[in-house]
Amino acid sequence: MAKKAVATFAAKSGSRSMVKCIRMDKSPKTGAYVFTEMLVDSGKEKDFFAGKK
């Protein structure tokens, strides 16, 4: 039987909930698109997509 893998980011007491964000950037050298993936806090998505780290 096959197993199903499920990623769960559970918010436990005292911890923050996390969100996986994927941003598409264009490389200035080659012109190709590069995907940047990162787990960020649920309140800081706009900073991630604005280019701030």
PDB file of N, CA and C in Angstrom:
ATOM      1  N   MET A   1       0.831  -1.185   0.000  1.00  0.00           N
ATOM      2  CA  MET A   1       0.000   0.000   0.000  1.00  0.00           C
ATOM      3  C   MET A   1       0.876   1.249   0.000  1.00  0.00           C
ATOM      4  N   ALA A   2       0.456   2.265  -0.706  1.00  0.00           N
ATOM      5  CA  ALA A   2       1.219   3.508  -0.780  1.00  0.00           C
ATOM      6  C   ALA A   2       0.862   4.405   0.388  1.00  0.00           C
ATOM      7  N   LYS A   3       1.857   5.144   0.837  1.00  0.00           N
ATOM      8  CA  LYS A   3       1.631   6.094   1.923  1.00  0.00           C
ATOM      9  C   LYS A   3       1.497   7.498   1.335  1.00  0.00           C
ATOM     10  N   LYS A   4       0.697   8.291   1.953  1.00  0.00           N
ATOM     11  CA  LYS A   4       0.484   9.659   1.497  1.00  0.00           C
ATOM     12  C   LYS A   4       1.248  10.601   2.426  1.00  0.00           C
ATOM     13  N   ALA A   5       2.125  11.396   1.878  1.00  0.00           N
ATOM     14  CA  ALA A   5       2.904  12.354   2.669  1.00  0.00           C
ATOM     15  C   ALA A   5       2.185  13.699   2.657  1.00  0.00           C
ATOM     16  N   VAL A   6       1.940  14.228   3.829  1.00  0.00           N
ATOM     17  CA  VAL A   6       1.255  15.503   3.963  1.00  0.00           C
ATOM     18  C   VAL A   6       2.100  16.406   4.846  1.00  0.00           C
ATOM     19  N   ALA A   7       2.413  17.599   4.359  1.00  0.00           N
ATOM     20  CA  ALA A   7       3.179  18.561   5.150  1.00  0.00           C
ATOM     21  C   ALA A   7       2.210  19.389   5.975  1.00  0.00           C
ATOM     22  N   THR A   8       2.415  19.407   7.265  1.00  0.00           N
ATOM     23  CA  THR A   8       1.553  20.158   8.161  1.00  0.00           C
ATOM     24  C   THR A   8       2.394  21.131   8.967  1.00  0.00           C
ATOM     25  N   PHE A   9       2.015  22.382   8.962  1.00  0.00           N
ATOM     26  CA  PHE A   9       2.671  23.393   9.759  1.00  0.00           C
ATOM     27  C   PHE A   9       1.695  23.779  10.870  1.00  0.00           C
ATOM     28  N   ALA A  10       1.727  23.044  11.941  1.00  0.00           N
ATOM     29  CA  ALA A  10       0.772  23.249  13.026  1.00  0.00           C
ATOM     30  C   ALA A  10       1.248  24.366  13.943  1.00  0.00           C
ATOM     31  N   ALA A  11       0.331  25.209  14.330  1.00  0.00           N
ATOM     32  CA  ALA A  11       0.639  26.292  15.261  1.00  0.00           C
ATOM     33  C   ALA A  11       0.447  25.766  16.676  1.00  0.00           C
ATOM     34  N   LYS A  12       1.552  25.517  17.340  1.00  0.00           N
ATOM     35  CA  LYS A  12       1.495  25.041  18.719  1.00  0.00           C
ATOM     36  C   LYS A  12       1.514  26.235  19.653  1.00  0.00           C
ATOM     37  N   SER A  13       1.329  25.992  20.911  1.00  0.00           N
ATOM     38  CA  SER A  13       1.302  27.093  21.870  1.00  0.00           C
ATOM     39  C   SER A  13       2.662  27.773  21.917  1.00  0.00           C
ATOM     40  N   GLY A  14       2.683  29.075  21.668  1.00  0.00           N
ATOM     41  CA  GLY A  14       3.909  29.847  21.708  1.00  0.00           C
ATOM     42  C   GLY A  14       4.655  29.903  20.391  1.00  0.00           C
ATOM     43  N   SER A  15       4.231  29.182  19.390  1.00  0.00           N
ATOM     44  CA  SER A  15       4.917  29.226  18.097  1.00  0.00           C
ATOM     45  C   SER A  15       4.046  29.942  17.073  1.00  0.00           C
ATOM     46  N   ARG A  16       4.688  30.434  16.032  1.00  0.00           N
ATOM     47  CA  ARG A  16       3.963  31.160  14.985  1.00  0.00           C
ATOM     48  C   ARG A  16       3.612  30.210  13.855  1.00  0.00           C
ATOM     49  N   SER A  17       2.564  30.514  13.148  1.00  0.00           N
ATOM     50  CA  SER A  17       2.219  29.692  11.993  1.00  0.00           C
ATOM     51  C   SER A  17       3.082  30.136  10.809  1.00  0.00           C
ATOM     52  N   MET A  18       3.476  29.180   9.994  1.00  0.00           N
ATOM     53  CA  MET A  18       4.370  29.430   8.875  1.00  0.00           C
ATOM     54  C   MET A  18       3.606  29.244   7.563  1.00  0.00           C
ATOM     55  N   VAL A  19       4.023  29.987   6.542  1.00  0.00           N
ATOM     56  CA  VAL A  19       3.413  29.924   5.231  1.00  0.00           C
ATOM     57  C   VAL A  19       4.531  29.734   4.210  1.00  0.00           C
ATOM     58  N   LYS A  20       4.325  28.854   3.230  1.00  0.00           N
ATOM     59  CA  LYS A  20       5.313  28.653   2.175  1.00  0.00           C
ATOM     60  C   LYS A  20       5.002  29.603   1.030  1.00  0.00           C
ATOM     61  N   CYS A  21       5.963  30.479   0.712  1.00  0.00           N
ATOM     62  CA  CYS A  21       5.789  31.462  -0.345  1.00  0.00           C
ATOM     63  C   CYS A  21       6.758  31.153  -1.482  1.00  0.00           C
ATOM     64  N   ILE A  22       6.287  31.296  -2.705  1.00  0.00           N
ATOM     65  CA  ILE A  22       7.102  31.074  -3.891  1.00  0.00           C
ATOM     66  C   ILE A  22       7.046  32.342  -4.739  1.00  0.00           C
ATOM     67  N   ARG A  23       8.227  32.916  -5.006  1.00  0.00           N
ATOM     68  CA  ARG A  23       8.320  34.156  -5.778  1.00  0.00           C
ATOM     69  C   ARG A  23       9.107  33.882  -7.050  1.00  0.00           C
ATOM     70  N   MET A  24       8.675  34.456  -8.156  1.00  0.00           N
ATOM     71  CA  MET A  24       9.364  34.302  -9.431  1.00  0.00           C
ATOM     72  C   MET A  24      10.158  35.568  -9.710  1.00  0.00           C
ATOM     73  N   ASP A  25      11.484  35.419  -9.873  1.00  0.00           N
ATOM     74  CA  ASP A  25      12.363  36.542 -10.165  1.00  0.00           C
ATOM     75  C   ASP A  25      13.025  36.317 -11.517  1.00  0.00           C
ATOM     76  N   LYS A  26      13.372  37.397 -12.183  1.00  0.00           N
ATOM     77  CA  LYS A  26      14.070  37.302 -13.461  1.00  0.00           C
ATOM     78  C   LYS A  26      15.549  37.603 -13.227  1.00  0.00           C
ATOM     79  N   SER A  27      16.399  36.718 -13.684  1.00  0.00           N
ATOM     80  CA  SER A  27      17.838  36.866 -13.518  1.00  0.00           C
ATOM     81  C   SER A  27      18.353  37.980 -14.422  1.00  0.00           C
ATOM     82  N   PRO A  28      19.134  38.936 -13.881  1.00  0.00           N
ATOM     83  CA  PRO A  28      19.654  40.013 -14.733  1.00  0.00           C
ATOM     84  C   PRO A  28      20.745  39.534 -15.694  1.00  0.00           C
ATOM     85  N   LYS A  29      21.446  38.450 -15.354  1.00  0.00           N
ATOM     86  CA  LYS A  29      22.526  37.953 -16.212  1.00  0.00           C
ATOM     87  C   LYS A  29      21.995  37.206 -17.430  1.00  0.00           C
ATOM     88  N   THR A  30      21.134  36.204 -17.181  1.00  0.00           N
ATOM     89  CA  THR A  30      20.699  35.337 -18.271  1.00  0.00           C
ATOM     90  C   THR A  30      19.313  35.668 -18.792  1.00  0.00           C
ATOM     91  N   GLY A  31      18.518  36.351 -18.014  1.00  0.00           N
ATOM     92  CA  GLY A  31      17.153  36.653 -18.421  1.00  0.00           C
ATOM     93  C   GLY A  31      16.179  35.527 -18.127  1.00  0.00           C
ATOM     94  N   ALA A  32      16.670  34.435 -17.531  1.00  0.00           N
ATOM     95  CA  ALA A  32      15.813  33.301 -17.195  1.00  0.00           C
ATOM     96  C   ALA A  32      15.082  33.582 -15.885  1.00  0.00           C
ATOM     97  N   TYR A  33      13.971  32.923 -15.711  1.00  0.00           N
ATOM     98  CA  TYR A  33      13.210  33.078 -14.474  1.00  0.00           C
ATOM     99  C   TYR A  33      13.694  32.080 -13.433  1.00  0.00           C
ATOM    100  N   VAL A  34      13.800  32.549 -12.185  1.00  0.00           N
ATOM    101  CA  VAL A  34      14.249  31.740 -11.062  1.00  0.00           C
ATOM    102  C   VAL A  34      13.159  31.779 -10.005  1.00  0.00           C
ATOM    103  N   PHE A  35      12.848  30.628  -9.434  1.00  0.00           N
ATOM    104  CA  PHE A  35      11.821  30.548  -8.397  1.00  0.00           C
ATOM    105  C   PHE A  35      12.487  30.493  -7.036  1.00  0.00           C
ATOM    106  N   THR A  36      12.059  31.374  -6.128  1.00  0.00           N
ATOM    107  CA  THR A  36      12.585  31.430  -4.773  1.00  0.00           C
ATOM    108  C   THR A  36      11.498  30.956  -3.824  1.00  0.00           C
ATOM    109  N   GLU A  37      11.777  29.891  -3.076  1.00  0.00           N
ATOM    110  CA  GLU A  37      10.822  29.350  -2.114  1.00  0.00           C
ATOM    111  C   GLU A  37      11.339  29.597  -0.706  1.00  0.00           C
ATOM    112  N   MET A  38      10.429  29.953   0.199  1.00  0.00           N
ATOM    113  CA  MET A  38      10.832  30.211   1.567  1.00  0.00           C
ATOM    114  C   MET A  38       9.647  30.041   2.509  1.00  0.00           C
ATOM    115  N   LEU A  39       9.907  29.544   3.705  1.00  0.00           N
ATOM    116  CA  LEU A  39       8.897  29.493   4.748  1.00  0.00           C
ATOM    117  C   LEU A  39       9.001  30.785   5.552  1.00  0.00           C
ATOM    118  N   VAL A  40       7.920  31.553   5.608  1.00  0.00           N
ATOM    119  CA  VAL A  40       7.919  32.823   6.319  1.00  0.00           C
ATOM    120  C   VAL A  40       6.788  32.829   7.341  1.00  0.00           C
ATOM    121  N   ASP A  41       6.883  33.725   8.304  1.00  0.00           N
ATOM    122  CA  ASP A  41       5.807  33.879   9.289  1.00  0.00           C
ATOM    123  C   ASP A  41       4.558  34.384   8.585  1.00  0.00           C
ATOM    124  N   SER A  42       3.407  34.047   9.128  1.00  0.00           N
ATOM    125  CA  SER A  42       2.156  34.347   8.434  1.00  0.00           C
ATOM    126  C   SER A  42       1.885  35.839   8.293  1.00  0.00           C
ATOM    127  N   GLY A  43       2.534  36.694   9.059  1.00  0.00           N
ATOM    128  CA  GLY A  43       2.314  38.129   8.943  1.00  0.00           C
ATOM    129  C   GLY A  43       3.303  38.842   8.037  1.00  0.00           C
ATOM    130  N   LYS A  44       4.290  38.127   7.518  1.00  0.00           N
ATOM    131  CA  LYS A  44       5.360  38.777   6.766  1.00  0.00           C
ATOM    132  C   LYS A  44       5.400  38.379   5.294  1.00  0.00           C
ATOM    133  N   GLU A  45       4.269  37.983   4.719  1.00  0.00           N
ATOM    134  CA  GLU A  45       4.245  37.590   3.314  1.00  0.00           C
ATOM    135  C   GLU A  45       4.507  38.785   2.398  1.00  0.00           C
ATOM    136  N   LYS A  46       3.958  39.926   2.734  1.00  0.00           N
ATOM    137  CA  LYS A  46       4.105  41.103   1.878  1.00  0.00           C
ATOM    138  C   LYS A  46       5.560  41.547   1.803  1.00  0.00           C
ATOM    139  N   ASP A  47       6.305  41.419   2.914  1.00  0.00           N
ATOM    140  CA  ASP A  47       7.728  41.762   2.898  1.00  0.00           C
ATOM    141  C   ASP A  47       8.504  40.819   1.988  1.00  0.00           C
ATOM    142  N   PHE A  48       8.146  39.544   1.990  1.00  0.00           N
ATOM    143  CA  PHE A  48       8.818  38.562   1.133  1.00  0.00           C
ATOM    144  C   PHE A  48       8.584  38.883  -0.334  1.00  0.00           C
ATOM    145  N   PHE A  49       7.339  39.181  -0.693  1.00  0.00           N
ATOM    146  CA  PHE A  49       7.027  39.445  -2.094  1.00  0.00           C
ATOM    147  C   PHE A  49       7.506  40.821  -2.541  1.00  0.00           C
ATOM    148  N   ALA A  50       7.766  41.719  -1.601  1.00  0.00           N
ATOM    149  CA  ALA A  50       8.316  43.024  -1.942  1.00  0.00           C
ATOM    150  C   ALA A  50       9.825  42.949  -2.189  1.00  0.00           C
ATOM    151  N   GLY A  51      10.439  41.823  -1.867  1.00  0.00           N
ATOM    152  CA  GLY A  51      11.868  41.650  -2.101  1.00  0.00           C
ATOM    153  C   GLY A  51      12.704  41.799  -0.854  1.00  0.00           C
ATOM    154  N   LYS A  52      12.097  42.132   0.267  1.00  0.00           N
ATOM    155  CA  LYS A  52      12.827  42.261   1.514  1.00  0.00           C
ATOM    156  C   LYS A  52      13.048  40.884   2.117  1.00  0.00           C
ATOM    157  N   LYS A  53      14.161  40.705   2.798  1.00  0.00           N
ATOM    158  CA  LYS A  53      14.443  39.414   3.416  1.00  0.00           C
ATOM    159  C   LYS A  53      14.266  39.473   4.870  1.00  0.00           C
TER     160      LYS A  53
END
